[in-house]
């Protein structure tokens, strides 16, 4: 048997972590995660770790960026307001609830004594 590894040559390079790739591209890790979640960048997971293969990074870096759409904007003096456009309504905010202080010991000692005496007299 030969002493060569069964691993393909493109897998010899270590995969990137999200932080390493963000550092390489000069962006935040959230941007890299967003590209992964949108399916634009392929990754694999080892437990909870996210790894991006070097071949995938190279593929992503070599694709041509999507052309920006051309928006033809007319000068503002030629745009007339549309007659059927809904008018903005100003909806007032709901009043805030008043904070009431909590009553500690809602009954006085005299009220409690009178209640108990009245209760005991009924028996």
PDB file of N, CA and C in Angstrom:
ATOM      1  N   UNK A   1       0.829  -1.184   0.000  1.00  0.00           N
ATOM      2  CA  UNK A   1       0.000   0.000   0.000  1.00  0.00           C
ATOM      3  C   UNK A   1       0.871   1.245   0.000  1.00  0.00           C
ATOM      4  N   UNK A   2       0.335   2.302  -0.501  1.00  0.00           N
ATOM      5  CA  UNK A   2       1.109   3.539  -0.540  1.00  0.00           C
ATOM      6  C   UNK A   2       0.961   4.278   0.778  1.00  0.00           C
ATOM      7  N   UNK A   3       1.926   5.145   1.060  1.00  0.00           N
ATOM      8  CA  UNK A   3       1.916   5.919   2.293  1.00  0.00           C
ATOM      9  C   UNK A   3       1.126   7.215   2.150  1.00  0.00           C
ATOM     10  N   UNK A   4       0.520   7.450   0.992  1.00  0.00           N
ATOM     11  CA  UNK A   4      -0.231   8.681   0.780  1.00  0.00           C
ATOM     12  C   UNK A   4      -1.533   8.637   1.564  1.00  0.00           C
ATOM     13  N   UNK A   5      -1.935   9.800   1.964  1.00  0.00           N
ATOM     14  CA  UNK A   5      -3.179   9.927   2.716  1.00  0.00           C
ATOM     15  C   UNK A   5      -4.370   9.800   1.777  1.00  0.00           C
ATOM     16  N   UNK A   6      -5.470   9.338   2.302  1.00  0.00           N
ATOM     17  CA  UNK A   6      -6.690   9.230   1.504  1.00  0.00           C
ATOM     18  C   UNK A   6      -7.422  10.576   1.428  1.00  0.00           C
ATOM     19  N   UNK A   7      -6.890  11.584   2.104  1.00  0.00           N
ATOM     20  CA  UNK A   7      -7.519  12.905   2.098  1.00  0.00           C
ATOM     21  C   UNK A   7      -7.168  13.608   0.792  1.00  0.00           C
ATOM     22  N   UNK A   8      -8.165  14.234   0.207  1.00  0.00           N
ATOM     23  CA  UNK A   8      -7.957  14.948  -1.048  1.00  0.00           C
ATOM     24  C   UNK A   8      -7.122  16.211  -0.820  1.00  0.00           C
ATOM     25  N   UNK A   9      -6.401  16.671  -1.845  1.00  0.00           N
ATOM     26  CA  UNK A   9      -5.515  17.834  -1.678  1.00  0.00           C
ATOM     27  C   UNK A   9      -6.248  19.097  -1.251  1.00  0.00           C
ATOM     28  N   UNK A  10      -7.492  19.288  -1.701  1.00  0.00           N
ATOM     29  CA  UNK A  10      -8.190  20.527  -1.339  1.00  0.00           C
ATOM     30  C   UNK A  10      -8.583  20.554   0.130  1.00  0.00           C
ATOM     31  N   UNK A  11      -8.494  19.397   0.799  1.00  0.00           N
ATOM     32  CA  UNK A  11      -8.844  19.344   2.217  1.00  0.00           C
ATOM     33  C   UNK A  11      -7.615  19.438   3.122  1.00  0.00           C
ATOM     34  N   UNK A  12      -6.425  19.644   2.539  1.00  0.00           N
ATOM     35  CA  UNK A  12      -5.211  19.745   3.339  1.00  0.00           C
ATOM     36  C   UNK A  12      -5.148  21.067   4.104  1.00  0.00           C
ATOM     37  N   UNK A  13      -5.825  22.105   3.607  1.00  0.00           N
ATOM     38  CA  UNK A  13      -5.800  23.403   4.252  1.00  0.00           C
ATOM     39  C   UNK A  13      -6.825  23.402   5.373  1.00  0.00           C
ATOM     40  N   UNK A  14      -6.437  23.952   6.522  1.00  0.00           N
ATOM     41  CA  UNK A  14      -7.345  23.972   7.664  1.00  0.00           C
ATOM     42  C   UNK A  14      -8.525  24.889   7.394  1.00  0.00           C
ATOM     43  N   UNK A  15      -9.704  24.532   7.840  1.00  0.00           N
ATOM     44  CA  UNK A  15     -10.876  25.390   7.640  1.00  0.00           C
ATOM     45  C   UNK A  15     -10.805  26.615   8.543  1.00  0.00           C
ATOM     46  N   UNK A  16     -11.540  27.641   8.168  1.00  0.00           N
ATOM     47  CA  UNK A  16     -11.575  28.887   8.913  1.00  0.00           C
ATOM     48  C   UNK A  16     -12.682  28.848   9.959  1.00  0.00           C
ATOM     49  N   UNK A  17     -12.437  29.481  11.085  1.00  0.00           N
ATOM     50  CA  UNK A  17     -13.520  29.718  12.037  1.00  0.00           C
ATOM     51  C   UNK A  17     -14.210  31.011  11.616  1.00  0.00           C
ATOM     52  N   UNK A  18     -15.347  31.297  12.224  1.00  0.00           N
ATOM     53  CA  UNK A  18     -16.068  32.518  11.892  1.00  0.00           C
ATOM     54  C   UNK A  18     -15.207  33.740  12.228  1.00  0.00           C
ATOM     55  N   UNK A  19     -14.533  33.707  13.378  1.00  0.00           N
ATOM     56  CA  UNK A  19     -13.698  34.839  13.790  1.00  0.00           C
ATOM     57  C   UNK A  19     -12.504  35.025  12.854  1.00  0.00           C
ATOM     58  N   UNK A  20     -11.874  33.927  12.438  1.00  0.00           N
ATOM     59  CA  UNK A  20     -10.736  34.024  11.529  1.00  0.00           C
ATOM     60  C   UNK A  20     -11.146  34.597  10.181  1.00  0.00           C
ATOM     61  N   UNK A  21     -12.290  34.154   9.675  1.00  0.00           N
ATOM     62  CA  UNK A  21     -12.760  34.644   8.387  1.00  0.00           C
ATOM     63  C   UNK A  21     -13.179  36.109   8.481  1.00  0.00           C
ATOM     64  N   UNK A  22     -13.815  36.478   9.579  1.00  0.00           N
ATOM     65  CA  UNK A  22     -14.197  37.881   9.775  1.00  0.00           C
ATOM     66  C   UNK A  22     -12.954  38.764   9.841  1.00  0.00           C
ATOM     67  N   UNK A  23     -11.898  38.281  10.486  1.00  0.00           N
ATOM     68  CA  UNK A  23     -10.652  39.030  10.564  1.00  0.00           C
ATOM     69  C   UNK A  23     -10.011  39.142   9.183  1.00  0.00           C
ATOM     70  N   UNK A  24     -10.059  38.084   8.415  1.00  0.00           N
ATOM     71  CA  UNK A  24      -9.487  38.095   7.063  1.00  0.00           C
ATOM     72  C   UNK A  24     -10.221  39.082   6.157  1.00  0.00           C
ATOM     73  N   UNK A  25     -11.547  39.124   6.276  1.00  0.00           N
ATOM     74  CA  UNK A  25     -12.344  40.001   5.423  1.00  0.00           C
ATOM     75  C   UNK A  25     -12.531  41.394   6.006  1.00  0.00           C
ATOM     76  N   UNK A  26     -12.130  41.587   7.242  1.00  0.00           N
ATOM     77  CA  UNK A  26     -12.272  42.907   7.856  1.00  0.00           C
ATOM     78  C   UNK A  26     -13.717  43.262   8.166  1.00  0.00           C
ATOM     79  N   UNK A  27     -14.483  42.283   8.617  1.00  0.00           N
ATOM     80  CA  UNK A  27     -15.883  42.526   8.969  1.00  0.00           C
ATOM     81  C   UNK A  27     -16.155  41.860  10.310  1.00  0.00           C
ATOM     82  N   UNK A  28     -17.380  41.922  10.755  1.00  0.00           N
ATOM     83  CA  UNK A  28     -17.729  41.285  12.023  1.00  0.00           C
ATOM     84  C   UNK A  28     -18.108  39.826  11.791  1.00  0.00           C
ATOM     85  N   UNK A  29     -18.112  39.080  12.869  1.00  0.00           N
ATOM     86  CA  UNK A  29     -18.530  37.685  12.783  1.00  0.00           C
ATOM     87  C   UNK A  29     -19.990  37.544  12.399  1.00  0.00           C
ATOM     88  N   UNK A  30     -20.800  38.554  12.755  1.00  0.00           N
ATOM     89  CA  UNK A  30     -22.220  38.499  12.403  1.00  0.00           C
ATOM     90  C   UNK A  30     -22.428  38.543  10.896  1.00  0.00           C
ATOM     91  N   UNK A  31     -21.566  39.249  10.175  1.00  0.00           N
ATOM     92  CA  UNK A  31     -21.675  39.306   8.712  1.00  0.00           C
ATOM     93  C   UNK A  31     -21.409  37.924   8.128  1.00  0.00           C
ATOM     94  N   UNK A  32     -20.402  37.237   8.664  1.00  0.00           N
ATOM     95  CA  UNK A  32     -20.075  35.889   8.184  1.00  0.00           C
ATOM     96  C   UNK A  32     -21.239  34.943   8.490  1.00  0.00           C
ATOM     97  N   UNK A  33     -21.793  35.033   9.709  1.00  0.00           N
ATOM     98  CA  UNK A  33     -22.935  34.182  10.068  1.00  0.00           C
ATOM     99  C   UNK A  33     -24.145  34.476   9.179  1.00  0.00           C
ATOM    100  N   UNK A  34     -24.335  35.738   8.834  1.00  0.00           N
ATOM    101  CA  UNK A  34     -25.456  36.114   7.969  1.00  0.00           C
ATOM    102  C   UNK A  34     -25.296  35.487   6.587  1.00  0.00           C
ATOM    103  N   UNK A  35     -24.075  35.498   6.045  1.00  0.00           N
ATOM    104  CA  UNK A  35     -23.820  34.873   4.743  1.00  0.00           C
ATOM    105  C   UNK A  35     -24.080  33.371   4.811  1.00  0.00           C
ATOM    106  N   UNK A  36     -23.737  32.753   5.931  1.00  0.00           N
ATOM    107  CA  UNK A  36     -23.975  31.318   6.099  1.00  0.00           C
ATOM    108  C   UNK A  36     -25.476  31.052   6.167  1.00  0.00           C
ATOM    109  N   UNK A  37     -26.202  31.862   6.956  1.00  0.00           N
ATOM    110  CA  UNK A  37     -27.648  31.657   7.102  1.00  0.00           C
ATOM    111  C   UNK A  37     -28.397  31.909   5.801  1.00  0.00           C
ATOM    112  N   UNK A  38     -27.895  32.813   4.962  1.00  0.00           N
ATOM    113  CA  UNK A  38     -28.529  33.094   3.675  1.00  0.00           C
ATOM    114  C   UNK A  38     -28.176  32.053   2.625  1.00  0.00           C
ATOM    115  N   UNK A  39     -27.236  31.162   2.934  1.00  0.00           N
ATOM    116  CA  UNK A  39     -26.859  30.112   2.001  1.00  0.00           C
ATOM    117  C   UNK A  39     -25.820  30.547   0.982  1.00  0.00           C
ATOM    118  N   UNK A  40     -25.246  31.722   1.155  1.00  0.00           N
ATOM    119  CA  UNK A  40     -24.241  32.201   0.212  1.00  0.00           C
ATOM    120  C   UNK A  40     -22.860  31.649   0.525  1.00  0.00           C
ATOM    121  N   UNK A  41     -22.662  31.167   1.742  1.00  0.00           N
ATOM    122  CA  UNK A  41     -21.376  30.635   2.170  1.00  0.00           C
ATOM    123  C   UNK A  41     -21.641  29.294   2.853  1.00  0.00           C
ATOM    124  N   UNK A  42     -21.007  28.244   2.350  1.00  0.00           N
ATOM    125  CA  UNK A  42     -21.214  26.898   2.886  1.00  0.00           C
ATOM    126  C   UNK A  42     -20.299  26.681   4.088  1.00  0.00           C
ATOM    127  N   UNK A  43     -20.773  25.914   5.050  1.00  0.00           N
ATOM    128  CA  UNK A  43     -19.972  25.625   6.229  1.00  0.00           C
ATOM    129  C   UNK A  43     -20.290  24.217   6.714  1.00  0.00           C
ATOM    130  N   UNK A  44     -19.564  23.779   7.715  1.00  0.00           N
ATOM    131  CA  UNK A  44     -19.894  22.538   8.396  1.00  0.00           C
ATOM    132  C   UNK A  44     -19.710  22.784   9.879  1.00  0.00           C
ATOM    133  N   UNK A  45     -20.327  21.941  10.669  1.00  0.00           N
ATOM    134  CA  UNK A  45     -20.283  22.107  12.114  1.00  0.00           C
ATOM    135  C   UNK A  45     -19.593  20.920  12.768  1.00  0.00           C
ATOM    136  N   UNK A  46     -18.829  21.237  13.773  1.00  0.00           N
ATOM    137  CA  UNK A  46     -18.233  20.227  14.642  1.00  0.00           C
ATOM    138  C   UNK A  46     -18.792  20.538  16.030  1.00  0.00           C
ATOM    139  N   UNK A  47     -19.832  19.827  16.396  1.00  0.00           N
ATOM    140  CA  UNK A  47     -20.529  20.176  17.633  1.00  0.00           C
ATOM    141  C   UNK A  47     -21.185  21.529  17.458  1.00  0.00           C
ATOM    142  N   UNK A  48     -20.817  22.476  18.304  1.00  0.00           N
ATOM    143  CA  UNK A  48     -21.373  23.820  18.181  1.00  0.00           C
ATOM    144  C   UNK A  48     -20.449  24.761  17.406  1.00  0.00           C
ATOM    145  N   UNK A  49     -19.280  24.268  16.993  1.00  0.00           N
ATOM    146  CA  UNK A  49     -18.314  25.088  16.254  1.00  0.00           C
ATOM    147  C   UNK A  49     -18.688  25.164  14.783  1.00  0.00           C
ATOM    148  N   UNK A  50     -18.559  26.344  14.206  1.00  0.00           N
ATOM    149  CA  UNK A  50     -18.811  26.537  12.780  1.00  0.00           C
ATOM    150  C   UNK A  50     -17.466  26.656  12.084  1.00  0.00           C
ATOM    151  N   UNK A  51     -17.271  25.883  11.032  1.00  0.00           N
ATOM    152  CA  UNK A  51     -16.037  25.933  10.260  1.00  0.00           C
ATOM    153  C   UNK A  51     -16.382  26.111   8.784  1.00  0.00           C
ATOM    154  N   UNK A  52     -15.590  26.943   8.105  1.00  0.00           N
ATOM    155  CA  UNK A  52     -15.790  27.222   6.684  1.00  0.00           C
ATOM    156  C   UNK A  52     -14.561  26.689   5.952  1.00  0.00           C
ATOM    157  N   UNK A  53     -14.747  25.759   4.995  1.00  0.00           N
ATOM    158  CA  UNK A  53     -13.596  25.203   4.271  1.00  0.00           C
ATOM    159  C   UNK A  53     -12.864  26.290   3.471  1.00  0.00           C
ATOM    160  N   UNK A  54     -11.552  26.134   3.336  1.00  0.00           N
ATOM    161  CA  UNK A  54     -10.744  27.104   2.595  1.00  0.00           C
ATOM    162  C   UNK A  54     -11.165  27.162   1.129  1.00  0.00           C
ATOM    163  N   UNK A  55     -11.565  26.030   0.574  1.00  0.00           N
ATOM    164  CA  UNK A  55     -12.019  26.013  -0.820  1.00  0.00           C
ATOM    165  C   UNK A  55     -13.291  26.842  -0.985  1.00  0.00           C
ATOM    166  N   UNK A  56     -14.160  26.815   0.023  1.00  0.00           N
ATOM    167  CA  UNK A  56     -15.390  27.611  -0.024  1.00  0.00           C
ATOM    168  C   UNK A  56     -15.080  29.098   0.079  1.00  0.00           C
ATOM    169  N   UNK A  57     -14.101  29.445   0.908  1.00  0.00           N
ATOM    170  CA  UNK A  57     -13.690  30.852   1.024  1.00  0.00           C
ATOM    171  C   UNK A  57     -13.132  31.340  -0.302  1.00  0.00           C
ATOM    172  N   UNK A  58     -12.298  30.515  -0.933  1.00  0.00           N
ATOM    173  CA  UNK A  58     -11.727  30.885  -2.228  1.00  0.00           C
ATOM    174  C   UNK A  58     -12.828  31.034  -3.276  1.00  0.00           C
ATOM    175  N   UNK A  59     -13.801  30.122  -3.283  1.00  0.00           N
ATOM    176  CA  UNK A  59     -14.902  30.213  -4.233  1.00  0.00           C
ATOM    177  C   UNK A  59     -15.696  31.496  -4.025  1.00  0.00           C
ATOM    178  N   UNK A  60     -15.974  31.815  -2.756  1.00  0.00           N
ATOM    179  CA  UNK A  60     -16.768  33.008  -2.462  1.00  0.00           C
ATOM    180  C   UNK A  60     -16.010  34.285  -2.831  1.00  0.00           C
ATOM    181  N   UNK A  61     -14.702  34.279  -2.628  1.00  0.00           N
ATOM    182  CA  UNK A  61     -13.907  35.482  -2.932  1.00  0.00           C
ATOM    183  C   UNK A  61     -13.725  35.696  -4.432  1.00  0.00           C
ATOM    184  N   UNK A  62     -13.840  34.639  -5.218  1.00  0.00           N
ATOM    185  CA  UNK A  62     -13.616  34.788  -6.661  1.00  0.00           C
ATOM    186  C   UNK A  62     -14.890  35.032  -7.455  1.00  0.00           C
ATOM    187  N   UNK A  63     -16.066  34.855  -6.833  1.00  0.00           N
ATOM    188  CA  UNK A  63     -17.291  35.112  -7.595  1.00  0.00           C
ATOM    189  C   UNK A  63     -17.446  36.614  -7.793  1.00  0.00           C
ATOM    190  N   UNK A  64     -18.002  36.959  -8.946  1.00  0.00           N
ATOM    191  CA  UNK A  64     -18.188  38.372  -9.265  1.00  0.00           C
ATOM    192  C   UNK A  64     -19.335  38.921  -8.423  1.00  0.00           C
ATOM    193  N   UNK A  65     -19.185  40.111  -7.864  1.00  0.00           N
ATOM    194  CA  UNK A  65     -20.287  40.684  -7.098  1.00  0.00           C
ATOM    195  C   UNK A  65     -21.471  40.987  -7.998  1.00  0.00           C
ATOM    196  N   UNK A  66     -22.651  40.893  -7.444  1.00  0.00           N
ATOM    197  CA  UNK A  66     -23.866  41.176  -8.202  1.00  0.00           C
ATOM    198  C   UNK A  66     -23.896  42.653  -8.571  1.00  0.00           C
ATOM    199  N   UNK A  67     -24.274  42.968  -9.811  1.00  0.00           N
ATOM    200  CA  UNK A  67     -24.318  44.376 -10.194  1.00  0.00           C
ATOM    201  C   UNK A  67     -25.397  45.105  -9.414  1.00  0.00           C
ATOM    202  N   UNK A  68     -25.082  46.342  -9.050  1.00  0.00           N
ATOM    203  CA  UNK A  68     -26.051  47.140  -8.310  1.00  0.00           C
ATOM    204  C   UNK A  68     -27.143  47.606  -9.263  1.00  0.00           C
ATOM    205  N   UNK A  69     -28.390  47.584  -8.818  1.00  0.00           N
ATOM    206  CA  UNK A  69     -29.470  48.015  -9.699  1.00  0.00           C
ATOM    207  C   UNK A  69     -29.395  49.512  -9.968  1.00  0.00           C
ATOM    208  N   UNK A  70     -29.744  49.867 -11.183  1.00  0.00           N
ATOM    209  CA  UNK A  70     -29.745  51.267 -11.575  1.00  0.00           C
ATOM    210  C   UNK A  70     -31.140  51.816 -11.316  1.00  0.00           C
ATOM    211  N   UNK A  71     -31.198  52.859 -10.528  1.00  0.00           N
ATOM    212  CA  UNK A  71     -32.477  53.468 -10.186  1.00  0.00           C
ATOM    213  C   UNK A  71     -32.530  54.833 -10.847  1.00  0.00           C
ATOM    214  N   UNK A  72     -33.533  55.019 -11.689  1.00  0.00           N
ATOM    215  CA  UNK A  72     -33.714  56.290 -12.368  1.00  0.00           C
ATOM    216  C   UNK A  72     -34.631  57.153 -11.510  1.00  0.00           C
ATOM    217  N   UNK A  73     -34.075  58.205 -10.946  1.00  0.00           N
ATOM    218  CA  UNK A  73     -34.841  59.074 -10.068  1.00  0.00           C
ATOM    219  C   UNK A  73     -35.159  60.359 -10.804  1.00  0.00           C
ATOM    220  N   UNK A  74     -36.436  60.668 -10.877  1.00  0.00           N
ATOM    221  CA  UNK A  74     -36.869  61.907 -11.537  1.00  0.00           C
ATOM    222  C   UNK A  74     -36.634  63.076 -10.593  1.00  0.00           C
ATOM    223  N   UNK A  75     -36.422  64.268 -11.133  1.00  0.00           N
ATOM    224  CA  UNK A  75     -36.262  65.436 -10.261  1.00  0.00           C
ATOM    225  C   UNK A  75     -37.517  65.644  -9.420  1.00  0.00           C
ATOM    226  N   UNK A  76     -37.340  66.192  -8.230  1.00  0.00           N
ATOM    227  CA  UNK A  76     -38.456  66.326  -7.299  1.00  0.00           C
ATOM    228  C   UNK A  76     -39.488  67.347  -7.766  1.00  0.00           C
ATOM    229  N   UNK A  77     -39.109  68.302  -8.614  1.00  0.00           N
ATOM    230  CA  UNK A  77     -40.079  69.305  -9.028  1.00  0.00           C
ATOM    231  C   UNK A  77     -41.084  68.759 -10.040  1.00  0.00           C
ATOM    232  N   UNK A  78     -40.807  67.599 -10.631  1.00  0.00           N
ATOM    233  CA  UNK A  78     -41.742  67.044 -11.610  1.00  0.00           C
ATOM    234  C   UNK A  78     -42.676  66.010 -11.002  1.00  0.00           C
ATOM    235  N   UNK A  79     -42.431  65.632  -9.763  1.00  0.00           N
ATOM    236  CA  UNK A  79     -43.276  64.615  -9.134  1.00  0.00           C
ATOM    237  C   UNK A  79     -44.460  65.315  -8.467  1.00  0.00           C
ATOM    238  N   UNK A  80     -45.651  64.946  -8.903  1.00  0.00           N
ATOM    239  CA  UNK A  80     -46.859  65.518  -8.317  1.00  0.00           C
ATOM    240  C   UNK A  80     -47.388  64.559  -7.270  1.00  0.00           C
ATOM    241  N   UNK A  81     -47.977  65.078  -6.200  1.00  0.00           N
ATOM    242  CA  UNK A  81     -48.537  64.171  -5.190  1.00  0.00           C
ATOM    243  C   UNK A  81     -49.702  63.387  -5.771  1.00  0.00           C
ATOM    244  N   UNK A  82     -49.788  62.147  -5.418  1.00  0.00           N
ATOM    245  CA  UNK A  82     -50.879  61.315  -5.922  1.00  0.00           C
ATOM    246  C   UNK A  82     -52.151  61.648  -5.166  1.00  0.00           C
ATOM    247  N   UNK A  83     -53.260  61.814  -5.871  1.00  0.00           N
ATOM    248  CA  UNK A  83     -54.486  62.222  -5.199  1.00  0.00           C
ATOM    249  C   UNK A  83     -55.094  61.133  -4.315  1.00  0.00           C
ATOM    250  N   UNK A  84     -54.821  59.879  -4.591  1.00  0.00           N
ATOM    251  CA  UNK A  84     -55.426  58.795  -3.821  1.00  0.00           C
ATOM    252  C   UNK A  84     -54.516  58.255  -2.723  1.00  0.00           C
ATOM    253  N   UNK A  85     -53.416  58.938  -2.487  1.00  0.00           N
ATOM    254  CA  UNK A  85     -52.485  58.457  -1.469  1.00  0.00           C
ATOM    255  C   UNK A  85     -53.116  58.619  -0.091  1.00  0.00           C
ATOM    256  N   UNK A  86     -52.993  57.607   0.754  1.00  0.00           N
ATOM    257  CA  UNK A  86     -53.585  57.726   2.090  1.00  0.00           C
ATOM    258  C   UNK A  86     -52.830  58.764   2.912  1.00  0.00           C
ATOM    259  N   UNK A  87     -53.574  59.492   3.727  1.00  0.00           N
ATOM    260  CA  UNK A  87     -52.970  60.507   4.574  1.00  0.00           C
ATOM    261  C   UNK A  87     -52.468  59.836   5.848  1.00  0.00           C
ATOM    262  N   UNK A  88     -51.369  60.357   6.350  1.00  0.00           N
ATOM    263  CA  UNK A  88     -50.825  59.823   7.591  1.00  0.00           C
ATOM    264  C   UNK A  88     -51.663  60.295   8.756  1.00  0.00           C
ATOM    265  N   UNK A  89     -51.994  59.367   9.611  1.00  0.00           N
ATOM    266  CA  UNK A  89     -52.749  59.725  10.800  1.00  0.00           C
ATOM    267  C   UNK A  89     -51.817  59.752  11.988  1.00  0.00           C
ATOM    268  N   UNK A  90     -52.010  60.737  12.818  1.00  0.00           N
ATOM    269  CA  UNK A  90     -51.222  60.823  14.037  1.00  0.00           C
ATOM    270  C   UNK A  90     -51.998  60.114  15.136  1.00  0.00           C
ATOM    271  N   UNK A  91     -51.526  58.975  15.543  1.00  0.00           N
ATOM    272  CA  UNK A  91     -52.199  58.196  16.570  1.00  0.00           C
ATOM    273  C   UNK A  91     -51.520  58.502  17.898  1.00  0.00           C
ATOM    274  N   UNK A  92     -52.281  59.025  18.870  1.00  0.00           N
ATOM    275  CA  UNK A  92     -51.658  59.372  20.146  1.00  0.00           C
ATOM    276  C   UNK A  92     -51.259  58.125  20.920  1.00  0.00           C
ATOM    277  N   UNK A  93     -50.287  58.300  21.777  1.00  0.00           N
ATOM    278  CA  UNK A  93     -49.839  57.201  22.618  1.00  0.00           C
ATOM    279  C   UNK A  93     -50.862  56.926  23.702  1.00  0.00           C
ATOM    280  N   UNK A  94     -50.894  55.703  24.137  1.00  0.00           N
ATOM    281  CA  UNK A  94     -51.771  55.335  25.237  1.00  0.00           C
ATOM    282  C   UNK A  94     -51.215  55.947  26.518  1.00  0.00           C
ATOM    283  N   UNK A  95     -52.101  56.366  27.419  1.00  0.00           N
ATOM    284  CA  UNK A  95     -51.601  56.950  28.666  1.00  0.00           C
ATOM    285  C   UNK A  95     -50.878  55.891  29.487  1.00  0.00           C
ATOM    286  N   UNK A  96     -49.864  56.334  30.175  1.00  0.00           N
ATOM    287  CA  UNK A  96     -49.101  55.418  31.006  1.00  0.00           C
ATOM    288  C   UNK A  96     -49.888  55.091  32.265  1.00  0.00           C
ATOM    289  N   UNK A  97     -49.726  53.878  32.709  1.00  0.00           N
ATOM    290  CA  UNK A  97     -50.404  53.457  33.924  1.00  0.00           C
ATOM    291  C   UNK A  97     -49.763  54.151  35.113  1.00  0.00           C
ATOM    292  N   UNK A  98     -50.604  54.615  36.038  1.00  0.00           N
ATOM    293  CA  UNK A  98     -50.086  55.269  37.231  1.00  0.00           C
ATOM    294  C   UNK A  98     -49.578  54.207  38.187  1.00  0.00           C
ATOM    295  N   UNK A  99     -48.451  54.481  38.745  1.00  0.00           N
ATOM    296  CA  UNK A  99     -47.870  53.550  39.696  1.00  0.00           C
ATOM    297  C   UNK A  99     -48.404  53.910  41.073  1.00  0.00           C
ATOM    298  N   UNK A 100     -49.082  52.970  41.676  1.00  0.00           N
ATOM    299  CA  UNK A 100     -49.647  53.196  42.996  1.00  0.00           C
ATOM    300  C   UNK A 100     -48.746  52.570  44.046  1.00  0.00           C
ATOM    301  N   UNK A 101     -48.532  53.273  45.116  1.00  0.00           N
ATOM    302  CA  UNK A 101     -47.684  52.679  46.165  1.00  0.00           C
ATOM    303  C   UNK A 101     -48.392  51.489  46.804  1.00  0.00           C
ATOM    304  N   UNK A 102     -47.612  50.501  47.131  1.00  0.00           N
ATOM    305  CA  UNK A 102     -48.170  49.329  47.791  1.00  0.00           C
ATOM    306  C   UNK A 102     -48.465  49.671  49.250  1.00  0.00           C
ATOM    307  N   UNK A 103     -49.585  49.164  49.702  1.00  0.00           N
ATOM    308  CA  UNK A 103     -49.944  49.392  51.089  1.00  0.00           C
ATOM    309  C   UNK A 103     -49.410  48.234  51.914  1.00  0.00           C
ATOM    310  N   UNK A 104     -48.586  48.566  52.839  1.00  0.00           N
ATOM    311  CA  UNK A 104     -48.033  47.537  53.716  1.00  0.00           C
ATOM    312  C   UNK A 104     -48.868  47.545  54.991  1.00  0.00           C
ATOM    313  N   UNK A 105     -49.371  46.405  55.358  1.00  0.00           N
ATOM    314  CA  UNK A 105     -50.225  46.336  56.541  1.00  0.00           C
ATOM    315  C   UNK A 105     -51.503  47.108  56.290  1.00  0.00           C
ATOM    316  N   UNK A 106     -52.316  46.592  55.404  1.00  0.00           N
ATOM    317  CA  UNK A 106     -53.478  47.328  54.928  1.00  0.00           C
ATOM    318  C   UNK A 106     -54.462  47.684  56.028  1.00  0.00           C
ATOM    319  N   UNK A 107     -54.466  46.965  57.125  1.00  0.00           N
ATOM    320  CA  UNK A 107     -55.371  47.300  58.229  1.00  0.00           C
ATOM    321  C   UNK A 107     -54.550  47.694  59.446  1.00  0.00           C
ATOM    322  N   UNK A 108     -55.089  48.617  60.185  1.00  0.00           N
ATOM    323  CA  UNK A 108     -54.397  49.019  61.402  1.00  0.00           C
ATOM    324  C   UNK A 108     -54.649  47.981  62.490  1.00  0.00           C
ATOM    325  N   UNK A 109     -53.936  48.117  63.577  1.00  0.00           N
ATOM    326  CA  UNK A 109     -54.064  47.166  64.679  1.00  0.00           C
ATOM    327  C   UNK A 109     -55.473  47.249  65.280  1.00  0.00           C
ATOM    328  N   UNK A 110     -55.981  48.479  65.361  1.00  0.00           N
ATOM    329  CA  UNK A 110     -57.311  48.654  65.934  1.00  0.00           C
ATOM    330  C   UNK A 110     -58.374  47.999  65.040  1.00  0.00           C
ATOM    331  N   UNK A 111     -58.252  48.149  63.722  1.00  0.00           N
ATOM    332  CA  UNK A 111     -59.211  47.543  62.801  1.00  0.00           C
ATOM    333  C   UNK A 111     -59.162  46.031  62.894  1.00  0.00           C
ATOM    334  N   UNK A 112     -57.970  45.472  63.002  1.00  0.00           N
ATOM    335  CA  UNK A 112     -57.830  44.026  63.112  1.00  0.00           C
ATOM    336  C   UNK A 112     -58.440  43.526  64.419  1.00  0.00           C
ATOM    337  N   UNK A 113     -58.209  44.252  65.542  1.00  0.00           N
ATOM    338  CA  UNK A 113     -58.754  43.854  66.841  1.00  0.00           C
ATOM    339  C   UNK A 113     -60.281  43.902  66.811  1.00  0.00           C
ATOM    340  N   UNK A 114     -60.833  44.961  66.202  1.00  0.00           N
ATOM    341  CA  UNK A 114     -62.285  45.092  66.143  1.00  0.00           C
ATOM    342  C   UNK A 114     -62.882  43.969  65.293  1.00  0.00           C
ATOM    343  N   UNK A 115     -62.226  43.622  64.223  1.00  0.00           N
ATOM    344  CA  UNK A 115     -62.713  42.537  63.366  1.00  0.00           C
ATOM    345  C   UNK A 115     -62.702  41.223  64.118  1.00  0.00           C
ATOM    346  N   UNK A 116     -61.628  40.937  64.838  1.00  0.00           N
ATOM    347  CA  UNK A 116     -61.530  39.671  65.564  1.00  0.00           C
ATOM    348  C   UNK A 116     -62.539  39.607  66.707  1.00  0.00           C
ATOM    349  N   UNK A 117     -62.718  40.724  67.387  1.00  0.00           N
ATOM    350  CA  UNK A 117     -63.690  40.724  68.474  1.00  0.00           C
ATOM    351  C   UNK A 117     -65.084  40.521  67.940  1.00  0.00           C
ATOM    352  N   UNK A 118     -65.398  41.159  66.817  1.00  0.00           N
ATOM    353  CA  UNK A 118     -66.701  40.967  66.201  1.00  0.00           C
ATOM    354  C   UNK A 118     -66.894  39.538  65.723  1.00  0.00           C
ATOM    355  N   UNK A 119     -65.846  38.930  65.242  1.00  0.00           N
ATOM    356  CA  UNK A 119     -65.906  37.554  64.769  1.00  0.00           C
ATOM    357  C   UNK A 119     -66.113  36.602  65.940  1.00  0.00           C
ATOM    358  N   UNK A 120     -65.401  36.853  67.052  1.00  0.00           N
ATOM    359  CA  UNK A 120     -65.509  35.979  68.216  1.00  0.00           C
ATOM    360  C   UNK A 120     -66.844  36.118  68.911  1.00  0.00           C
ATOM    361  N   UNK A 121     -67.432  37.325  68.876  1.00  0.00           N
ATOM    362  CA  UNK A 121     -68.723  37.530  69.521  1.00  0.00           C
ATOM    363  C   UNK A 121     -69.826  36.778  68.804  1.00  0.00           C
ATOM    364  N   UNK A 122     -69.674  36.587  67.506  1.00  0.00           N
ATOM    365  CA  UNK A 122     -70.693  35.876  66.735  1.00  0.00           C
ATOM    366  C   UNK A 122     -70.753  34.416  67.127  1.00  0.00           C
ATOM    367  N   UNK A 123     -69.667  33.861  67.588  1.00  0.00           N
ATOM    368  CA  UNK A 123     -69.621  32.447  67.942  1.00  0.00           C
ATOM    369  C   UNK A 123     -70.258  32.220  69.231  1.00  0.00           C
TER     370      UNK A 123
END
